[in-house]
Amino acid sequence: MSRVGVIDLGSNSLKLLVTEGPGLSQVRRATADVRLFPARGNRLEPEAIAAAVAAVRALATQAGEAGATRLAVVGTSALREAPNRAEFADALRAGAGLPLTLLSGEVEARLALDGMRADPALAGVRDFVGFDLGGGSLEVGRVVGGRCVQAFSLPLGAVRLTRHVLGDGAKPLSSADLESLREQVLAGVSGRIPAGAARLCPLVASGGALSTLLEMQRAAGEPESGDTLGLLAVRNWLGRLAALDVEGRRRIPGVPAARADILPAALATVAALAEHLGADNLKVSHHGLRQGVAALLLTDAADLLSAEPALG
């Protein structure tokens, strides 16, 4: 049975997924904590490029050891915005022997929704609103009758919002900080997707911040609710994190050290988006962009993922 691998070059981390067969059964996953999102401007820094190339080389080795017969390396927000992305692609080919496929925002959103549709936990769900929260961007879309009818990307990732609103994210947040985050998210989604769009169907979410929040709830001994998060719980955790500096957040069980600076912005985004969509609860899916790309690798369109130009 075919095994395929996907290396997702996100703004906040690099992730490998190896799956098997049309059911996309997980064979291996791994993460490299390399933050590509630049500290200033959009230009990728030489240190980040070198670290990313080394990490991709190691992740590709793991993919081969896991039996992947095809491997795609996809770039998202930080790479598609970088003026020196061609330099990165050249370094990747020279240092890891792999081509880079840049995904446009809309294609990234559609592939994330395709990944969610492949989630066994959503079997039989034909209508839903979905979003994927990354470091540089937020992808949002709607599935109706099992078909994607809307997909778009917004520059509202957790690293980006942290930098733009909170600086380095090290200090506690003020009420003005929280309101600024909320206003930026609502300004981004208003007019793009109808208010209340998730009142009559599930709201499905993916992304590292959502998985982290589930781990925080479990570590705190809160009642098990599967992979469902209530909006009230998101707001409560946001308030708790906002009152702490970054070192205080790192001491909370379940909070990864590398995400402690961006978690408040991430949860503020989730809360504002759920508010706009009219959802009191959201279903966290552990399927998203990587599963969507893996599914594409198993089709006749797989060669698109070996192309150097942006896919979109």
Protein backbone atom coordinates (compact mmCIF):
# COMPACT_ATOMS: atom_id res chain seq x y z
CA MET A 1 0.00 0.00 0.00
CA SER A 2 1.34 3.44 -0.96
CA ARG A 3 3.02 5.56 1.67
CA VAL A 4 3.49 9.29 1.04
CA GLY A 5 5.17 12.00 3.05
CA VAL A 6 4.48 15.71 3.47
CA ILE A 7 6.83 18.26 4.99
CA ASP A 8 4.87 21.39 5.87
CA LEU A 9 7.07 24.48 6.19
CA GLY A 10 4.87 26.51 8.50
CA SER A 11 5.66 29.94 9.87
CA ASN A 12 6.11 28.67 13.42
CA SER A 13 7.40 25.11 12.94
CA LEU A 14 8.19 22.47 10.33
CA LYS A 15 6.15 19.27 10.41
CA LEU A 16 6.40 15.87 8.77
CA LEU A 17 3.51 13.50 8.19
CA VAL A 18 3.80 10.09 6.56
CA THR A 19 0.53 8.35 5.73
CA GLU A 20 -0.46 5.05 4.17
CA GLY A 21 -3.18 4.25 1.68
CA PRO A 22 -6.26 6.18 0.62
CA GLY A 23 -7.45 6.20 4.22
CA LEU A 24 -4.42 8.35 5.15
CA SER A 25 -3.52 6.19 8.15
CA GLN A 26 -0.74 7.90 10.07
CA VAL A 27 2.60 6.10 9.91
CA ARG A 28 4.92 8.76 11.33
CA ARG A 29 4.84 12.38 12.38
CA ALA A 30 7.60 14.67 13.58
CA THR A 31 8.11 18.37 14.32
CA ALA A 32 11.13 20.65 14.08
CA ASP A 33 10.87 23.87 16.10
CA VAL A 34 12.15 26.25 13.43
CA ARG A 35 10.33 29.59 13.22
CA LEU A 36 10.54 30.88 9.65
CA PHE A 37 8.35 33.91 10.29
CA PRO A 38 10.87 36.79 10.22
CA ALA A 39 11.52 38.96 13.25
CA ARG A 40 11.13 42.08 11.09
CA GLY A 41 9.92 42.69 7.57
CA ASN A 42 9.19 39.75 5.31
CA ARG A 43 12.70 38.70 4.37
CA LEU A 44 13.80 35.27 5.61
CA GLU A 45 16.87 35.48 7.78
CA PRO A 46 20.00 33.47 6.84
CA GLU A 47 19.97 31.65 10.18
CA ALA A 48 16.35 30.58 9.68
CA ILE A 49 17.06 29.38 6.13
CA ALA A 50 20.03 27.29 7.28
CA ALA A 51 18.10 25.83 10.22
CA ALA A 52 15.09 25.02 8.01
CA VAL A 53 17.20 23.29 5.35
CA ALA A 54 18.93 21.16 7.99
CA ALA A 55 15.58 20.31 9.56
CA VAL A 56 14.01 19.38 6.21
CA ARG A 57 16.96 17.13 5.44
CA ALA A 58 16.46 15.31 8.76
CA LEU A 59 12.68 15.08 8.29
CA ALA A 60 13.12 13.73 4.76
CA THR A 61 15.41 11.04 6.14
CA GLN A 62 12.68 10.07 8.61
CA ALA A 63 10.14 9.96 5.78
CA GLY A 64 12.37 7.57 3.84
CA GLU A 65 12.88 5.38 6.90
CA ALA A 66 9.09 5.23 7.28
CA GLY A 67 8.73 3.95 3.72
CA ALA A 68 7.41 7.06 1.95
CA THR A 69 7.65 6.59 -1.83
CA ARG A 70 6.66 10.18 -2.64
CA LEU A 71 7.52 13.30 -0.66
CA ALA A 72 6.25 16.86 -1.02
CA VAL A 73 7.73 19.93 0.65
CA VAL A 74 5.15 22.72 0.81
CA GLY A 75 5.62 26.33 1.83
CA THR A 76 2.91 28.53 3.30
CA SER A 77 2.56 32.09 4.60
CA ALA A 78 6.12 33.03 5.62
CA LEU A 79 7.58 31.65 2.40
CA ARG A 80 5.02 32.95 -0.05
CA GLU A 81 5.48 36.48 1.35
CA ALA A 82 9.28 36.40 1.49
CA PRO A 83 11.04 38.44 -1.23
CA ASN A 84 13.97 36.00 -0.98
CA ARG A 85 11.87 32.84 -1.34
CA ALA A 86 13.84 31.89 -4.48
CA GLU A 87 16.99 31.96 -2.35
CA PHE A 88 15.29 29.60 0.09
CA ALA A 89 14.19 27.26 -2.70
CA ASP A 90 17.73 27.17 -4.08
CA ALA A 91 19.16 26.46 -0.62
CA LEU A 92 16.60 23.68 -0.10
CA ARG A 93 17.45 22.01 -3.39
CA ALA A 94 21.19 22.34 -2.78
CA GLY A 95 21.13 21.31 0.88
CA ALA A 96 18.35 18.70 0.94
CA GLY A 97 17.93 17.75 -2.72
CA LEU A 98 14.24 18.60 -2.66
CA PRO A 99 12.03 21.01 -4.62
CA LEU A 100 9.76 23.50 -2.88
CA THR A 101 6.08 23.92 -3.73
CA LEU A 102 4.67 27.27 -2.64
CA LEU A 103 0.95 27.21 -1.90
CA SER A 104 -1.22 30.23 -2.47
CA GLY A 105 -3.48 31.20 0.42
CA GLU A 106 -6.62 29.89 -1.28
CA VAL A 107 -5.01 26.57 -2.20
CA GLU A 108 -3.69 26.19 1.34
CA ALA A 109 -7.21 26.77 2.69
CA ARG A 110 -8.76 24.28 0.27
CA LEU A 111 -6.18 21.62 1.06
CA ALA A 112 -6.73 22.15 4.80
CA LEU A 113 -10.47 21.62 4.28
CA ASP A 114 -9.74 18.52 2.18
CA GLY A 115 -7.68 17.19 5.10
CA MET A 116 -10.52 17.85 7.54
CA ARG A 117 -12.98 16.05 5.28
CA ALA A 118 -10.72 12.98 5.51
CA ASP A 119 -10.88 12.98 9.32
CA PRO A 120 -12.62 9.77 10.51
CA ALA A 121 -14.05 11.76 13.41
CA LEU A 122 -16.02 13.79 10.85
CA ALA A 123 -17.29 10.81 8.87
CA GLY A 124 -20.79 11.59 7.65
CA VAL A 125 -20.47 15.34 8.29
CA ARG A 126 -21.39 16.94 4.97
CA ASP A 127 -21.68 20.58 6.08
CA PHE A 128 -19.23 22.47 8.26
CA VAL A 129 -17.25 25.66 8.62
CA GLY A 130 -13.53 25.01 9.08
CA PHE A 131 -10.46 27.01 9.93
CA ASP A 132 -6.76 26.26 10.24
CA LEU A 133 -4.77 28.61 12.48
CA GLY A 134 -1.07 28.83 11.73
CA GLY A 135 1.76 31.12 12.66
CA GLY A 136 1.56 33.48 9.70
CA SER A 137 -1.98 33.08 8.42
CA LEU A 138 -5.51 31.92 9.16
CA GLU A 139 -7.27 29.77 6.57
CA VAL A 140 -11.07 29.68 6.62
CA GLY A 141 -13.64 27.91 4.47
CA ARG A 142 -17.04 26.29 4.18
CA VAL A 143 -18.02 22.80 3.09
CA VAL A 144 -21.61 22.27 1.94
CA GLY A 145 -22.89 18.88 0.84
CA GLY A 146 -19.37 17.50 1.03
CA ARG A 147 -18.00 20.13 -1.37
CA CYS A 148 -15.80 23.11 -0.62
CA VAL A 149 -17.80 26.21 -1.55
CA GLN A 150 -15.54 28.88 -0.06
CA ALA A 151 -11.89 29.05 0.97
CA PHE A 152 -9.66 32.01 1.76
CA SER A 153 -6.57 33.00 3.71
CA LEU A 154 -6.08 35.98 6.03
CA PRO A 155 -2.85 37.43 7.49
CA LEU A 156 -4.02 36.61 11.01
CA GLY A 157 -1.61 33.91 12.17
CA ALA A 158 -0.65 33.73 15.83
CA VAL A 159 3.01 34.71 15.33
CA ARG A 160 2.05 37.61 13.07
CA LEU A 161 -0.61 38.97 15.45
CA THR A 162 1.73 38.60 18.41
CA ARG A 163 4.43 40.61 16.65
CA HIS A 164 2.06 43.30 15.38
CA VAL A 165 0.03 43.78 18.55
CA LEU A 166 2.10 42.42 21.46
CA GLY A 167 5.71 42.83 20.38
CA ASP A 168 7.68 39.82 21.58
CA GLY A 169 4.69 38.40 23.48
CA ALA A 170 6.63 38.25 26.74
CA LYS A 171 4.49 40.55 28.89
CA PRO A 172 1.02 40.08 30.36
CA LEU A 173 -1.75 41.40 28.14
CA SER A 174 -3.85 44.43 29.01
CA SER A 175 -7.56 44.73 28.27
CA ALA A 176 -6.58 47.08 25.43
CA ASP A 177 -4.29 44.38 23.98
CA LEU A 178 -7.11 41.83 24.07
CA GLU A 179 -9.54 44.24 22.44
CA SER A 180 -7.02 45.09 19.72
CA LEU A 181 -6.55 41.39 18.92
CA ARG A 182 -10.30 40.87 18.80
CA GLU A 183 -10.86 43.88 16.55
CA GLN A 184 -8.17 42.80 14.08
CA VAL A 185 -9.69 39.33 13.74
CA LEU A 186 -13.24 40.60 13.35
CA ALA A 187 -12.13 43.20 10.82
CA GLY A 188 -10.45 40.45 8.81
CA VAL A 189 -13.35 38.00 8.69
CA SER A 190 -16.25 40.46 8.46
CA GLY A 191 -17.40 40.67 4.88
CA ARG A 192 -15.52 37.49 3.95
CA ILE A 193 -17.73 34.90 5.62
CA PRO A 194 -21.26 35.52 6.90
CA ALA A 195 -21.80 36.21 10.58
CA GLY A 196 -23.46 33.20 12.20
CA ALA A 197 -22.27 30.83 9.44
CA ALA A 198 -21.63 28.07 12.01
CA ARG A 199 -24.90 28.34 13.92
CA LEU A 200 -26.49 25.45 12.03
CA CYS A 201 -23.43 23.30 11.32
CA PRO A 202 -20.25 22.29 13.16
CA LEU A 203 -17.27 24.61 13.47
CA VAL A 204 -14.12 22.54 12.88
CA ALA A 205 -10.65 23.82 13.77
CA SER A 206 -7.11 22.62 13.25
CA GLY A 207 -3.69 23.95 14.19
CA GLY A 208 -1.06 23.58 16.86
CA ALA A 209 -2.67 26.06 19.23
CA LEU A 210 -5.90 24.03 19.31
CA SER A 211 -4.08 20.78 20.04
CA THR A 212 -2.11 22.59 22.76
CA LEU A 213 -5.29 23.84 24.40
CA LEU A 214 -6.70 20.31 24.50
CA GLU A 215 -3.48 19.14 26.21
CA MET A 216 -3.73 21.99 28.72
CA GLN A 217 -7.28 20.98 29.61
CA ARG A 218 -6.29 17.34 30.06
CA ALA A 219 -3.26 18.28 32.15
CA ALA A 220 -5.50 20.43 34.35
CA GLY A 221 -7.74 17.42 34.99
CA GLU A 222 -10.79 19.01 33.38
CA PRO A 223 -13.68 16.69 32.42
CA GLU A 224 -12.96 14.78 29.21
CA SER A 225 -14.91 16.16 26.28
CA GLY A 226 -13.22 14.35 23.42
CA ASP A 227 -11.82 16.86 20.99
CA THR A 228 -14.53 19.47 21.62
CA LEU A 229 -13.72 22.90 23.00
CA GLY A 230 -16.33 25.27 24.37
CA LEU A 231 -16.06 28.97 23.58
CA LEU A 232 -16.40 29.72 27.29
CA ALA A 233 -13.41 27.49 28.05
CA VAL A 234 -11.35 29.20 25.34
CA ARG A 235 -12.16 32.59 26.85
CA ASN A 236 -11.34 31.38 30.36
CA TRP A 237 -7.94 30.07 29.27
CA LEU A 238 -7.29 33.26 27.34
CA GLY A 239 -7.95 35.30 30.48
CA ARG A 240 -5.63 33.09 32.51
CA LEU A 241 -2.79 33.25 29.98
CA ALA A 242 -3.23 36.98 29.45
CA ALA A 243 -2.60 37.65 33.13
CA LEU A 244 0.82 35.92 33.00
CA ASP A 245 4.13 36.79 31.43
CA VAL A 246 5.74 34.30 29.07
CA GLU A 247 7.63 32.51 31.85
CA GLY A 248 4.44 32.11 33.84
CA ARG A 249 2.69 30.62 30.81
CA ARG A 250 5.52 28.13 30.33
CA ARG A 251 4.89 26.81 33.82
CA ILE A 252 1.33 25.81 32.97
CA PRO A 253 1.21 22.04 32.34
CA GLY A 254 0.70 21.29 28.66
CA VAL A 255 2.11 24.58 27.35
CA PRO A 256 5.09 24.01 25.02
CA ALA A 257 7.91 26.46 25.69
CA ALA A 258 8.08 27.38 22.01
CA ARG A 259 4.39 28.42 21.92
CA ALA A 260 4.11 30.31 25.20
CA ASP A 261 4.66 33.69 23.54
CA ILE A 262 1.99 33.24 20.85
CA LEU A 263 -0.75 31.33 22.70
CA PRO A 264 -2.68 34.41 23.89
CA ALA A 265 -2.94 35.76 20.34
CA ALA A 266 -3.94 32.30 19.10
CA LEU A 267 -6.74 31.91 21.65
CA ALA A 268 -7.91 35.48 21.08
CA THR A 269 -8.20 34.62 17.37
CA VAL A 270 -10.15 31.44 18.06
CA ALA A 271 -12.53 33.25 20.43
CA ALA A 272 -13.18 36.14 18.04
CA LEU A 273 -13.71 33.84 15.07
CA ALA A 274 -16.12 31.56 16.96
CA GLU A 275 -17.97 34.66 18.16
CA HIS A 276 -18.35 35.96 14.59
CA LEU A 277 -19.47 32.56 13.28
CA GLY A 278 -22.01 32.09 16.08
CA ALA A 279 -20.48 28.90 17.48
CA ASP A 280 -20.59 28.02 21.18
CA ASN A 281 -18.39 24.96 20.62
CA LEU A 282 -15.79 23.86 18.13
CA LYS A 283 -14.51 20.46 17.10
CA VAL A 284 -10.72 20.17 17.01
CA SER A 285 -9.57 18.09 14.05
CA HIS A 286 -6.11 16.56 13.95
CA HIS A 287 -6.42 16.52 10.16
CA GLY A 288 -5.62 19.56 8.06
CA LEU A 289 -3.18 20.80 5.45
CA ARG A 290 -0.77 17.86 5.64
CA GLN A 291 -3.55 15.29 5.16
CA GLY A 292 -4.94 17.35 2.27
CA VAL A 293 -1.54 17.39 0.57
CA ALA A 294 -1.08 13.66 1.25
CA ALA A 295 -4.43 12.94 -0.40
CA LEU A 296 -3.33 14.97 -3.44
CA LEU A 297 -0.08 12.99 -3.63
CA LEU A 298 -2.16 9.86 -4.17
CA THR A 299 -3.92 11.30 -7.24
CA ASP A 300 -2.97 11.99 -10.84
CA ALA A 301 -2.39 15.63 -9.84
CA ALA A 302 0.55 14.71 -7.59
CA ASP A 303 3.09 16.08 -10.07
CA LEU A 304 1.82 19.59 -9.30
CA LEU A 305 3.54 19.26 -5.93
CA SER A 306 6.94 18.91 -7.58
CA ALA A 307 6.65 22.20 -9.42
CA GLU A 308 8.77 25.20 -8.49
CA PRO A 309 6.13 27.90 -9.16
CA ALA A 310 3.46 28.74 -6.62
CA LEU A 311 0.51 26.38 -6.71
CA GLY A 312 -2.59 28.49 -6.73
